[in-house]
Amino acid sequence: MRVSAFLAVLIVFAVSSSSAIATPAAAYNKTITISYTSSGTRTDSLGKSAGYSSAVTRIIYVSSNGRLFMRHIVTSSNRGRRQRGGDFEPGGGRGGSFAFQGNRLVGTIVMAAGAIQMTATFDPGFTSCAATVVEGRTAGGAIRRRAPSGEMVEITSVSNSTPSCSIQSGNAFAQ
């Protein structure tokens, strides 16, 4: 499968392009929210297989000088409460790497094995957006990531809902 080559190129491009391409001025002082549901089957460290369903929300604020800040929230619908998340400055690390590429905001979140690519595409005035979320793994490999509980699990099947995307003026984190 060519997913591994695609992920390698994607990660290199995302990292190398993050400093080379400026944030569009029309995106300044705006908050972007991407939400979707991820569900499937996972296997825990004891070999026990179980279904899962998690609501995922990424909130990205573009400051008045073009810096990106992100909040990540994952809520397990099995327990109905926020299980994992945090505030991050995109650019690598746990929050992933996000950068503008023209009218698109592209994020790469690398997991223990596999990766997620989130892309928000904006209209010319940055007043509306549409999003895509793609999860990938290496050829013949598995997706391994932390569950909302913090436990490392292997994802044996995954399906994501069509993501929603919204953009609003102002800093959602300041409220």
N, C-alpha and C. Protein backbone atom coordinates (compact mmCIF):
# COMPACT_ATOMS: atom_id res chain seq x y z
N MET A 1 0.84 -1.18 0.00
CA MET A 1 0.00 0.00 0.00
C MET A 1 0.88 1.24 0.00
N ARG A 2 0.46 2.26 -0.67
CA ARG A 2 1.28 3.46 -0.82
C ARG A 2 1.00 4.50 0.26
N VAL A 3 0.22 4.13 1.26
CA VAL A 3 -0.10 5.07 2.32
C VAL A 3 1.17 5.49 3.05
N SER A 4 2.12 4.55 3.28
CA SER A 4 3.33 4.91 4.01
C SER A 4 4.15 5.94 3.25
N ALA A 5 4.27 5.80 1.94
CA ALA A 5 5.00 6.78 1.15
C ALA A 5 4.28 8.12 1.18
N PHE A 6 2.95 8.08 1.09
CA PHE A 6 2.16 9.31 1.15
C PHE A 6 2.36 10.01 2.49
N LEU A 7 2.31 9.24 3.60
CA LEU A 7 2.48 9.84 4.91
C LEU A 7 3.87 10.44 5.07
N ALA A 8 4.89 9.75 4.58
CA ALA A 8 6.26 10.27 4.69
C ALA A 8 6.40 11.59 3.94
N VAL A 9 5.87 11.64 2.72
CA VAL A 9 5.93 12.87 1.93
C VAL A 9 5.11 13.96 2.61
N LEU A 10 3.93 13.60 3.10
CA LEU A 10 3.05 14.55 3.76
C LEU A 10 3.73 15.16 4.98
N ILE A 11 4.34 14.34 5.81
CA ILE A 11 5.00 14.83 7.02
C ILE A 11 6.16 15.73 6.67
N VAL A 12 6.99 15.33 5.72
CA VAL A 12 8.13 16.16 5.31
C VAL A 12 7.63 17.47 4.74
N PHE A 13 6.59 17.43 3.89
CA PHE A 13 6.07 18.65 3.29
C PHE A 13 5.48 19.56 4.36
N ALA A 14 4.73 19.00 5.30
CA ALA A 14 4.10 19.81 6.34
C ALA A 14 5.16 20.47 7.22
N VAL A 15 6.20 19.73 7.58
CA VAL A 15 7.25 20.29 8.42
C VAL A 15 8.04 21.34 7.67
N SER A 16 8.43 21.05 6.43
CA SER A 16 9.27 21.98 5.68
C SER A 16 8.50 23.21 5.23
N SER A 17 7.19 23.07 5.02
CA SER A 17 6.44 24.21 4.52
C SER A 17 5.91 25.11 5.62
N SER A 18 5.91 24.64 6.87
CA SER A 18 5.29 25.42 7.93
C SER A 18 5.95 26.77 8.14
N SER A 19 7.24 26.85 7.94
CA SER A 19 7.90 28.13 8.13
C SER A 19 8.01 28.91 6.82
N ALA A 20 7.80 28.24 5.70
CA ALA A 20 8.01 28.89 4.41
C ALA A 20 6.79 29.64 3.92
N ILE A 21 5.60 29.27 4.38
CA ILE A 21 4.39 29.88 3.87
C ILE A 21 3.74 30.69 4.98
N ALA A 22 3.45 31.95 4.70
CA ALA A 22 2.88 32.85 5.70
C ALA A 22 1.39 32.61 5.89
N THR A 23 0.93 32.96 7.06
CA THR A 23 -0.49 32.90 7.36
C THR A 23 -1.21 34.00 6.60
N PRO A 24 -2.28 33.69 5.87
CA PRO A 24 -3.02 34.73 5.14
C PRO A 24 -3.60 35.77 6.11
N ALA A 25 -3.47 37.03 5.78
CA ALA A 25 -3.95 38.11 6.64
C ALA A 25 -5.46 37.99 6.90
N ALA A 26 -6.21 37.46 5.95
CA ALA A 26 -7.67 37.32 6.13
C ALA A 26 -8.01 36.33 7.26
N ALA A 27 -7.05 35.50 7.67
CA ALA A 27 -7.27 34.53 8.74
C ALA A 27 -6.94 35.08 10.12
N TYR A 28 -6.29 36.24 10.18
CA TYR A 28 -5.87 36.82 11.46
C TYR A 28 -7.07 37.05 12.38
N ASN A 29 -6.84 36.80 13.66
CA ASN A 29 -7.84 37.02 14.71
C ASN A 29 -9.13 36.24 14.46
N LYS A 30 -8.97 34.99 13.98
CA LYS A 30 -10.12 34.12 13.75
C LYS A 30 -9.90 32.78 14.43
N THR A 31 -11.02 32.14 14.76
CA THR A 31 -11.01 30.83 15.39
C THR A 31 -11.64 29.83 14.44
N ILE A 32 -10.93 28.73 14.20
CA ILE A 32 -11.40 27.66 13.32
C ILE A 32 -11.71 26.44 14.18
N THR A 33 -12.87 25.83 13.97
CA THR A 33 -13.26 24.64 14.73
C THR A 33 -13.55 23.51 13.75
N ILE A 34 -12.87 22.39 13.95
CA ILE A 34 -13.09 21.18 13.16
C ILE A 34 -13.55 20.09 14.12
N SER A 35 -14.70 19.47 13.83
CA SER A 35 -15.26 18.43 14.71
C SER A 35 -15.69 17.23 13.88
N TYR A 36 -15.49 16.05 14.45
CA TYR A 36 -15.93 14.82 13.81
C TYR A 36 -16.01 13.71 14.86
N THR A 37 -16.59 12.60 14.48
CA THR A 37 -16.66 11.44 15.36
C THR A 37 -15.81 10.33 14.75
N SER A 38 -14.99 9.73 15.58
CA SER A 38 -14.15 8.60 15.18
C SER A 38 -14.67 7.36 15.89
N SER A 39 -14.94 6.30 15.13
CA SER A 39 -15.42 5.07 15.75
C SER A 39 -14.79 3.87 15.06
N GLY A 40 -14.78 2.77 15.77
CA GLY A 40 -14.19 1.56 15.22
C GLY A 40 -13.94 0.53 16.30
N THR A 41 -12.91 -0.27 16.07
CA THR A 41 -12.54 -1.33 17.00
C THR A 41 -11.10 -1.15 17.40
N ARG A 42 -10.83 -1.36 18.69
CA ARG A 42 -9.47 -1.23 19.20
C ARG A 42 -9.13 -2.46 20.03
N THR A 43 -7.83 -2.72 20.14
CA THR A 43 -7.34 -3.82 20.96
C THR A 43 -6.41 -3.22 22.00
N ASP A 44 -6.65 -3.55 23.28
CA ASP A 44 -5.82 -2.98 24.35
C ASP A 44 -4.56 -3.82 24.57
N SER A 45 -3.75 -3.43 25.53
CA SER A 45 -2.47 -4.09 25.78
C SER A 45 -2.63 -5.53 26.27
N LEU A 46 -3.81 -5.91 26.76
CA LEU A 46 -4.08 -7.27 27.19
C LEU A 46 -4.68 -8.13 26.08
N GLY A 47 -4.84 -7.55 24.89
CA GLY A 47 -5.39 -8.28 23.76
C GLY A 47 -6.90 -8.25 23.68
N LYS A 48 -7.55 -7.51 24.55
CA LYS A 48 -9.00 -7.43 24.57
C LYS A 48 -9.47 -6.45 23.50
N SER A 49 -10.40 -6.89 22.66
CA SER A 49 -10.93 -6.07 21.57
C SER A 49 -12.27 -5.47 22.00
N ALA A 50 -12.47 -4.20 21.66
CA ALA A 50 -13.72 -3.53 22.02
C ALA A 50 -13.99 -2.43 21.01
N GLY A 51 -15.25 -2.08 20.87
CA GLY A 51 -15.63 -0.96 20.02
C GLY A 51 -15.38 0.35 20.74
N TYR A 52 -15.24 1.41 19.98
CA TYR A 52 -15.09 2.74 20.57
C TYR A 52 -15.79 3.76 19.69
N SER A 53 -16.12 4.88 20.30
CA SER A 53 -16.67 6.01 19.58
C SER A 53 -16.27 7.26 20.36
N SER A 54 -15.59 8.17 19.69
CA SER A 54 -15.10 9.38 20.35
C SER A 54 -15.44 10.60 19.51
N ALA A 55 -15.90 11.65 20.17
CA ALA A 55 -16.10 12.94 19.51
C ALA A 55 -14.78 13.70 19.60
N VAL A 56 -14.30 14.18 18.46
CA VAL A 56 -13.02 14.88 18.40
C VAL A 56 -13.27 16.32 17.95
N THR A 57 -12.68 17.27 18.67
CA THR A 57 -12.79 18.68 18.30
C THR A 57 -11.41 19.31 18.37
N ARG A 58 -11.05 20.01 17.31
CA ARG A 58 -9.81 20.79 17.26
C ARG A 58 -10.22 22.24 17.05
N ILE A 59 -9.80 23.08 17.96
CA ILE A 59 -10.08 24.51 17.87
C ILE A 59 -8.74 25.20 17.65
N ILE A 60 -8.63 25.95 16.57
CA ILE A 60 -7.37 26.61 16.23
C ILE A 60 -7.63 28.11 16.15
N TYR A 61 -6.88 28.86 16.95
CA TYR A 61 -6.98 30.31 16.93
C TYR A 61 -5.79 30.88 16.19
N VAL A 62 -6.04 31.80 15.26
CA VAL A 62 -5.00 32.50 14.52
C VAL A 62 -4.92 33.90 15.12
N SER A 63 -3.81 34.21 15.75
CA SER A 63 -3.67 35.49 16.45
C SER A 63 -3.61 36.65 15.47
N SER A 64 -3.62 37.86 16.01
CA SER A 64 -3.58 39.07 15.18
C SER A 64 -2.24 39.26 14.48
N ASN A 65 -1.22 38.46 14.86
CA ASN A 65 0.04 38.50 14.12
C ASN A 65 0.36 37.16 13.45
N GLY A 66 -0.69 36.32 13.28
CA GLY A 66 -0.55 35.11 12.48
C GLY A 66 -0.08 33.87 13.19
N ARG A 67 0.12 33.91 14.51
CA ARG A 67 0.52 32.71 15.24
C ARG A 67 -0.68 31.81 15.48
N LEU A 68 -0.44 30.51 15.47
CA LEU A 68 -1.50 29.52 15.65
C LEU A 68 -1.46 28.95 17.06
N PHE A 69 -2.65 28.79 17.65
CA PHE A 69 -2.79 28.14 18.96
C PHE A 69 -3.93 27.14 18.84
N MET A 70 -3.81 26.00 19.53
CA MET A 70 -4.80 24.94 19.33
C MET A 70 -5.27 24.36 20.65
N ARG A 71 -6.54 24.01 20.67
CA ARG A 71 -7.11 23.23 21.77
C ARG A 71 -7.62 21.93 21.16
N HIS A 72 -7.32 20.84 21.82
CA HIS A 72 -7.71 19.50 21.36
C HIS A 72 -8.60 18.89 22.43
N ILE A 73 -9.79 18.44 22.02
CA ILE A 73 -10.72 17.82 22.96
C ILE A 73 -11.20 16.50 22.38
N VAL A 74 -11.09 15.44 23.16
CA VAL A 74 -11.63 14.13 22.77
C VAL A 74 -12.56 13.69 23.89
N THR A 75 -13.79 13.37 23.51
CA THR A 75 -14.77 12.90 24.48
C THR A 75 -15.23 11.51 24.07
N SER A 76 -15.08 10.57 24.98
CA SER A 76 -15.53 9.22 24.72
C SER A 76 -17.02 9.14 24.95
N SER A 77 -17.77 8.72 23.94
CA SER A 77 -19.22 8.63 24.12
C SER A 77 -19.59 7.44 25.00
N ASN A 78 -18.64 6.54 25.24
CA ASN A 78 -18.89 5.42 26.15
C ASN A 78 -19.02 5.94 27.59
N ARG A 79 -18.28 7.01 27.90
CA ARG A 79 -18.31 7.55 29.25
C ARG A 79 -18.97 8.92 29.30
N GLY A 80 -19.07 9.57 28.14
CA GLY A 80 -19.78 10.83 28.06
C GLY A 80 -19.09 12.03 28.68
N ARG A 81 -17.81 11.94 28.93
CA ARG A 81 -17.11 13.09 29.49
C ARG A 81 -15.76 13.25 28.82
N ARG A 82 -15.21 14.46 28.96
CA ARG A 82 -13.92 14.75 28.35
C ARG A 82 -12.87 13.83 28.96
N GLN A 83 -12.19 13.13 28.13
CA GLN A 83 -11.21 12.16 28.59
C GLN A 83 -9.78 12.61 28.36
N ARG A 84 -9.57 13.39 27.32
CA ARG A 84 -8.20 13.76 26.98
C ARG A 84 -8.24 15.02 26.15
N GLY A 85 -7.23 15.78 26.26
CA GLY A 85 -7.15 16.99 25.47
C GLY A 85 -6.13 17.93 26.04
N GLY A 86 -6.14 19.14 25.56
CA GLY A 86 -5.22 20.12 26.07
C GLY A 86 -5.05 21.26 25.09
N ASP A 87 -4.28 22.23 25.53
CA ASP A 87 -3.97 23.39 24.71
C ASP A 87 -2.55 23.24 24.20
N PHE A 88 -2.35 23.54 22.92
CA PHE A 88 -1.06 23.36 22.30
C PHE A 88 -0.75 24.51 21.36
N GLU A 89 0.52 24.77 21.19
CA GLU A 89 0.98 25.69 20.15
C GLU A 89 1.40 24.81 18.99
N PRO A 90 0.62 24.77 17.90
CA PRO A 90 0.96 23.90 16.78
C PRO A 90 2.37 24.15 16.27
N GLY A 91 3.04 23.08 15.92
CA GLY A 91 4.40 23.18 15.40
C GLY A 91 5.16 21.92 15.72
N GLY A 92 4.44 20.87 16.01
CA GLY A 92 5.08 19.63 16.37
C GLY A 92 4.62 19.22 17.75
N GLY A 93 5.27 18.24 18.30
CA GLY A 93 4.91 17.80 19.63
C GLY A 93 3.55 17.13 19.66
N ARG A 94 2.98 17.10 20.84
CA ARG A 94 1.72 16.38 21.04
C ARG A 94 0.54 16.95 20.28
N GLY A 95 0.54 18.24 20.02
CA GLY A 95 -0.61 18.85 19.38
C GLY A 95 -0.64 18.70 17.88
N GLY A 96 0.44 18.24 17.29
CA GLY A 96 0.51 18.12 15.85
C GLY A 96 1.15 19.35 15.24
N SER A 97 1.29 19.32 13.95
CA SER A 97 1.91 20.42 13.21
C SER A 97 0.87 20.97 12.24
N PHE A 98 0.53 22.25 12.39
CA PHE A 98 -0.44 22.90 11.53
C PHE A 98 0.20 24.08 10.84
N ALA A 99 -0.12 24.28 9.57
CA ALA A 99 0.41 25.41 8.81
C ALA A 99 -0.53 25.73 7.66
N PHE A 100 -0.54 26.99 7.28
CA PHE A 100 -1.33 27.41 6.13
C PHE A 100 -0.57 27.11 4.84
N GLN A 101 -1.33 26.67 3.87
CA GLN A 101 -0.84 26.46 2.50
C GLN A 101 -1.86 27.16 1.60
N GLY A 102 -1.65 28.45 1.38
CA GLY A 102 -2.62 29.24 0.62
C GLY A 102 -3.91 29.38 1.40
N ASN A 103 -5.03 28.93 0.81
CA ASN A 103 -6.32 29.04 1.50
C ASN A 103 -6.67 27.77 2.29
N ARG A 104 -5.67 26.95 2.55
CA ARG A 104 -5.89 25.72 3.30
C ARG A 104 -5.05 25.73 4.57
N LEU A 105 -5.62 25.21 5.65
CA LEU A 105 -4.89 24.97 6.88
C LEU A 105 -4.72 23.46 6.97
N VAL A 106 -3.47 23.01 6.94
CA VAL A 106 -3.18 21.58 6.92
C VAL A 106 -2.49 21.19 8.22
N GLY A 107 -3.04 20.17 8.87
CA GLY A 107 -2.47 19.68 10.12
C GLY A 107 -2.09 18.22 10.00
N THR A 108 -0.96 17.87 10.58
CA THR A 108 -0.51 16.48 10.64
C THR A 108 -0.32 16.12 12.10
N ILE A 109 -1.01 15.09 12.54
CA ILE A 109 -0.90 14.61 13.90
C ILE A 109 -0.29 13.22 13.82
N VAL A 110 0.95 13.07 14.28
CA VAL A 110 1.65 11.79 14.22
C VAL A 110 1.32 11.02 15.50
N MET A 111 0.93 9.76 15.33
CA MET A 111 0.61 8.90 16.47
C MET A 111 1.78 7.95 16.71
N ALA A 112 1.66 7.07 17.69
CA ALA A 112 2.72 6.09 17.96
C ALA A 112 3.00 5.29 16.70
N ALA A 113 1.97 4.97 15.94
CA ALA A 113 2.10 4.34 14.62
C ALA A 113 0.93 4.84 13.80
N GLY A 114 1.23 5.48 12.68
CA GLY A 114 0.19 6.06 11.84
C GLY A 114 0.12 7.56 12.04
N ALA A 115 -0.77 8.20 11.32
CA ALA A 115 -0.92 9.66 11.40
C ALA A 115 -2.31 10.07 10.96
N ILE A 116 -2.69 11.28 11.35
CA ILE A 116 -3.95 11.88 10.93
C ILE A 116 -3.61 13.17 10.19
N GLN A 117 -4.27 13.40 9.05
CA GLN A 117 -4.13 14.67 8.35
C GLN A 117 -5.50 15.35 8.39
N MET A 118 -5.52 16.58 8.92
CA MET A 118 -6.72 17.40 8.92
C MET A 118 -6.48 18.57 7.99
N THR A 119 -7.45 18.84 7.13
CA THR A 119 -7.33 19.97 6.21
C THR A 119 -8.62 20.78 6.25
N ALA A 120 -8.47 22.08 6.47
CA ALA A 120 -9.60 23.00 6.37
C ALA A 120 -9.35 23.88 5.15
N THR A 121 -10.32 23.94 4.26
CA THR A 121 -10.21 24.76 3.05
C THR A 121 -11.18 25.93 3.18
N PHE A 122 -10.69 27.15 2.94
CA PHE A 122 -11.45 28.37 3.18
C PHE A 122 -11.85 29.06 1.89
N ASP A 123 -12.96 29.79 1.96
CA ASP A 123 -13.35 30.66 0.85
C ASP A 123 -12.37 31.85 0.82
N PRO A 124 -12.36 32.64 -0.26
CA PRO A 124 -11.37 33.73 -0.38
C PRO A 124 -11.39 34.75 0.78
N GLY A 125 -12.54 35.00 1.38
CA GLY A 125 -12.62 35.96 2.48
C GLY A 125 -12.43 35.35 3.86
N PHE A 126 -12.16 34.05 3.92
CA PHE A 126 -12.01 33.32 5.18
C PHE A 126 -13.23 33.51 6.07
N THR A 127 -14.43 33.35 5.46
CA THR A 127 -15.68 33.44 6.22
C THR A 127 -16.36 32.09 6.36
N SER A 128 -15.96 31.10 5.54
CA SER A 128 -16.51 29.76 5.65
C SER A 128 -15.42 28.74 5.32
N CYS A 129 -15.66 27.49 5.73
CA CYS A 129 -14.64 26.46 5.48
C CYS A 129 -15.30 25.09 5.36
N ALA A 130 -14.54 24.18 4.78
CA ALA A 130 -14.91 22.76 4.69
C ALA A 130 -13.69 21.98 5.14
N ALA A 131 -13.90 20.83 5.78
CA ALA A 131 -12.78 20.08 6.32
C ALA A 131 -12.77 18.63 5.84
N THR A 132 -11.57 18.06 5.83
CA THR A 132 -11.39 16.62 5.60
C THR A 132 -10.47 16.09 6.69
N VAL A 133 -10.67 14.83 7.03
CA VAL A 133 -9.82 14.14 8.00
C VAL A 133 -9.48 12.79 7.41
N VAL A 134 -8.18 12.48 7.33
CA VAL A 134 -7.72 11.21 6.79
C VAL A 134 -6.79 10.56 7.81
N GLU A 135 -7.07 9.30 8.15
CA GLU A 135 -6.17 8.55 9.02
C GLU A 135 -5.40 7.57 8.15
N GLY A 136 -4.11 7.44 8.41
CA GLY A 136 -3.28 6.55 7.61
C GLY A 136 -2.35 5.73 8.47
N ARG A 137 -1.86 4.67 7.88
CA ARG A 137 -0.90 3.78 8.55
C ARG A 137 0.11 3.32 7.54
N THR A 138 1.20 2.76 8.01
CA THR A 138 2.21 2.23 7.11
C THR A 138 1.68 0.96 6.46
N ALA A 139 2.24 0.60 5.33
CA ALA A 139 1.81 -0.60 4.62
C ALA A 139 1.98 -1.82 5.52
N GLY A 140 0.89 -2.54 5.70
CA GLY A 140 0.93 -3.75 6.52
C GLY A 140 1.01 -3.47 8.01
N GLY A 141 1.06 -2.23 8.40
CA GLY A 141 1.18 -1.86 9.81
C GLY A 141 -0.16 -1.56 10.43
N ALA A 142 -0.12 -1.23 11.69
CA ALA A 142 -1.33 -0.91 12.43
C ALA A 142 -1.28 0.54 12.86
N ILE A 143 -2.44 1.07 13.20
CA ILE A 143 -2.51 2.39 13.82
C ILE A 143 -2.45 2.16 15.33
N ARG A 144 -1.50 2.81 15.97
CA ARG A 144 -1.40 2.75 17.43
C ARG A 144 -1.45 4.16 17.97
N ARG A 145 -2.31 4.37 18.96
CA ARG A 145 -2.45 5.69 19.56
C ARG A 145 -2.97 5.55 20.97
N ARG A 146 -2.96 6.66 21.67
CA ARG A 146 -3.50 6.67 23.03
C ARG A 146 -5.02 6.82 22.96
N ALA A 147 -5.69 5.99 23.74
CA ALA A 147 -7.14 6.11 23.89
C ALA A 147 -7.44 7.33 24.76
N PRO A 148 -8.68 7.80 24.81
CA PRO A 148 -8.99 8.94 25.68
C PRO A 148 -8.60 8.69 27.14
N SER A 149 -8.56 7.44 27.56
CA SER A 149 -8.15 7.10 28.93
C SER A 149 -6.65 7.23 29.14
N GLY A 150 -5.89 7.35 28.05
CA GLY A 150 -4.43 7.43 28.14
C GLY A 150 -3.74 6.12 27.82
N GLU A 151 -4.49 5.03 27.74
CA GLU A 151 -3.92 3.72 27.46
C GLU A 151 -3.53 3.62 25.97
N MET A 152 -2.38 3.00 25.68
CA MET A 152 -1.96 2.77 24.30
C MET A 152 -2.78 1.60 23.74
N VAL A 153 -3.40 1.82 22.58
CA VAL A 153 -4.23 0.79 21.95
C VAL A 153 -3.86 0.67 20.47
N GLU A 154 -4.21 -0.47 19.89
CA GLU A 154 -4.06 -0.67 18.46
C GLU A 154 -5.44 -0.57 17.83
N ILE A 155 -5.54 0.25 16.82
CA ILE A 155 -6.82 0.43 16.13
C ILE A 155 -6.90 -0.61 15.02
N THR A 156 -7.89 -1.49 15.10
CA THR A 156 -8.02 -2.53 14.09
C THR A 156 -9.00 -2.13 12.99
N SER A 157 -9.90 -1.20 13.29
CA SER A 157 -10.75 -0.62 12.24
C SER A 157 -11.13 0.78 12.70
N VAL A 158 -11.27 1.69 11.73
CA VAL A 158 -11.62 3.07 12.07
C VAL A 158 -12.49 3.65 10.97
N SER A 159 -13.45 4.45 11.39
CA SER A 159 -14.31 5.17 10.46
C SER A 159 -14.58 6.54 11.08
N ASN A 160 -14.39 7.58 10.27
CA ASN A 160 -14.64 8.93 10.75
C ASN A 160 -15.86 9.51 10.05
N SER A 161 -16.66 10.25 10.81
CA SER A 161 -17.80 10.93 10.22
C SER A 161 -17.29 12.07 9.34
N THR A 162 -18.17 12.61 8.52
CA THR A 162 -17.82 13.79 7.74
C THR A 162 -17.59 14.93 8.72
N PRO A 163 -16.41 15.55 8.69
CA PRO A 163 -16.13 16.60 9.67
C PRO A 163 -16.89 17.89 9.39
N SER A 164 -17.22 18.59 10.45
CA SER A 164 -17.79 19.94 10.30
C SER A 164 -16.65 20.94 10.48
N CYS A 165 -16.80 22.09 9.87
CA CYS A 165 -15.79 23.14 9.95
C CYS A 165 -16.50 24.47 10.09
N SER A 166 -16.04 25.28 11.01
CA SER A 166 -16.60 26.63 11.15
C SER A 166 -15.47 27.60 11.43
N ILE A 167 -15.69 28.86 11.10
CA ILE A 167 -14.72 29.91 11.35
C ILE A 167 -15.47 31.11 11.88
N GLN A 168 -14.92 31.72 12.92
CA GLN A 168 -15.55 32.89 13.51
C GLN A 168 -14.48 33.91 13.86
N SER A 169 -14.88 35.16 13.91
CA SER A 169 -13.95 36.23 14.30
C SER A 169 -13.70 36.16 15.79
N GLY A 170 -12.47 36.51 16.17
CA GLY A 170 -12.13 36.59 17.59
C GLY A 170 -11.43 35.35 18.11
N ASN A 171 -11.05 35.46 19.38
CA ASN A 171 -10.30 34.42 20.07
C ASN A 171 -11.24 33.62 20.97
N ALA A 172 -11.57 32.41 20.57
CA ALA A 172 -12.48 31.56 21.36
C ALA A 172 -11.86 31.19 22.70
N PHE A 173 -10.54 31.23 22.82
CA PHE A 173 -9.88 30.87 24.07
C PHE A 173 -9.99 31.97 25.13
N ALA A 174 -10.24 33.18 24.70
CA ALA A 174 -10.32 34.31 25.64
C ALA A 174 -11.68 34.39 26.33
N GLN A 175 -12.64 33.60 25.87
CA GLN A 175 -14.00 33.67 26.43
C GLN A 175 -14.18 32.78 27.61
